[in-house]
Amino acid sequence: ILMMGVLALSFSWMLGLVTVQQKLTTSMSAQTVADAVALAAVESGEPLAQEVVELNDALIISLTLTENVDQSVITAIVVIELDGVQAQATASNGP
């Protein structure tokens, strides 16, 4: 009986570790997509950003593009959602 308890406890720990690993993987993937979307928005605008997010089965929650006075520097701030996980990224073509 003690051995069965040890096996059950070990099994539940393994399931918990798998869940943690899946959440970390999803979180890293969401951040990677957010970074790519922000860069695409800065370099080519919102249509390419939307294409990048769609190719990754994600959703844009918010996308803000700002330009400085002489329009030489563009900054993008994006929040995306991937598999229920949100990630934010900022990109700029300025110094």
Protein backbone atom coordinates (compact mmCIF):
# COMPACT_ATOMS: atom_id res chain seq x y z
CA ILE A 1 0.00 0.00 0.00
CA LEU A 2 2.86 2.38 0.80
CA MET A 3 4.39 1.68 -2.62
CA MET A 4 1.09 2.54 -4.33
CA GLY A 5 0.98 5.84 -2.44
CA VAL A 6 4.53 6.66 -3.50
CA LEU A 7 3.70 5.84 -7.11
CA ALA A 8 0.55 7.97 -7.02
CA LEU A 9 2.47 10.88 -5.52
CA SER A 10 5.23 10.55 -8.13
CA PHE A 11 2.67 10.47 -10.93
CA SER A 12 0.93 13.62 -9.66
CA TRP A 13 4.30 15.43 -9.43
CA MET A 14 5.09 14.46 -13.02
CA LEU A 15 1.72 15.78 -14.21
CA GLY A 16 2.38 19.04 -12.37
CA LEU A 17 5.79 19.41 -14.00
CA VAL A 18 4.33 18.79 -17.46
CA THR A 19 1.73 21.51 -16.84
CA VAL A 20 4.41 23.99 -15.72
CA GLN A 21 6.53 23.18 -18.77
CA GLN A 22 3.57 23.68 -21.11
CA LYS A 23 2.79 27.07 -19.57
CA LEU A 24 6.42 28.18 -19.87
CA THR A 25 6.55 27.07 -23.49
CA THR A 26 3.32 28.92 -24.32
CA SER A 27 4.56 32.02 -22.52
CA MET A 28 7.84 32.02 -24.44
CA SER A 29 6.01 31.44 -27.72
CA ALA A 30 3.62 34.32 -26.99
CA GLN A 31 6.56 36.64 -26.29
CA THR A 32 8.28 35.60 -29.51
CA VAL A 33 5.12 36.31 -31.52
CA ALA A 34 4.68 39.69 -29.79
CA ASP A 35 8.28 40.63 -30.64
CA ALA A 36 7.81 39.60 -34.28
CA VAL A 37 4.54 41.51 -34.58
CA ALA A 38 6.06 44.69 -33.13
CA LEU A 39 9.02 44.50 -35.52
CA ALA A 40 6.74 43.84 -38.49
CA ALA A 41 4.58 46.83 -37.55
CA VAL A 42 7.60 49.14 -37.38
CA GLU A 43 9.15 47.95 -40.62
CA SER A 44 6.09 47.43 -42.82
CA GLY A 45 3.00 48.65 -40.99
CA GLU A 46 -0.13 47.14 -39.55
CA PRO A 47 -1.02 44.83 -42.49
CA LEU A 48 2.20 42.82 -42.12
CA ALA A 49 1.80 42.78 -38.32
CA GLN A 50 -1.68 41.31 -38.79
CA GLU A 51 -0.31 38.70 -41.19
CA VAL A 52 2.39 37.66 -38.71
CA VAL A 53 -0.14 37.28 -35.90
CA GLU A 54 -2.50 35.25 -38.09
CA LEU A 55 0.31 32.93 -39.23
CA ASN A 56 0.96 32.17 -35.57
CA ASP A 57 -2.70 31.58 -34.66
CA ALA A 58 -2.60 34.51 -32.26
CA LEU A 59 -4.75 37.61 -31.77
CA ILE A 60 -3.76 41.27 -31.54
CA ILE A 61 -5.25 42.75 -28.37
CA SER A 62 -3.78 46.19 -29.02
CA LEU A 63 -1.35 47.78 -31.45
CA THR A 64 -0.16 51.36 -31.12
CA LEU A 65 2.07 52.97 -33.74
CA THR A 66 3.59 56.37 -33.01
CA GLU A 67 5.86 58.55 -35.10
CA ASN A 68 8.08 61.40 -34.00
CA VAL A 69 7.59 64.92 -35.37
CA ASP A 70 9.58 64.45 -38.58
CA GLN A 71 8.26 60.87 -39.03
CA SER A 72 11.76 59.39 -39.03
CA VAL A 73 11.26 57.21 -35.95
CA ILE A 74 8.35 54.81 -35.62
CA THR A 75 7.58 52.99 -32.38
CA ALA A 76 5.18 50.07 -32.04
CA ILE A 77 3.69 48.78 -28.80
CA VAL A 78 1.74 45.55 -29.19
CA VAL A 79 -0.16 43.17 -26.93
CA ILE A 80 -1.04 39.77 -28.37
CA GLU A 81 -2.78 36.69 -27.07
CA LEU A 82 -1.68 33.16 -27.91
CA ASP A 83 -3.43 30.15 -26.39
CA GLY A 84 -4.83 32.27 -23.57
CA VAL A 85 -1.48 33.89 -22.73
CA GLN A 86 -0.89 37.59 -23.32
CA ALA A 87 2.49 39.11 -24.15
CA GLN A 88 3.60 42.69 -24.80
CA ALA A 89 6.45 43.94 -26.97
CA THR A 90 7.84 47.28 -28.06
CA ALA A 91 9.92 47.92 -31.17
CA SER A 92 11.35 51.05 -32.75
CA ASN A 93 13.45 51.94 -35.75
CA GLY A 94 15.13 54.77 -33.82
CA PRO A 95 18.38 54.89 -31.91
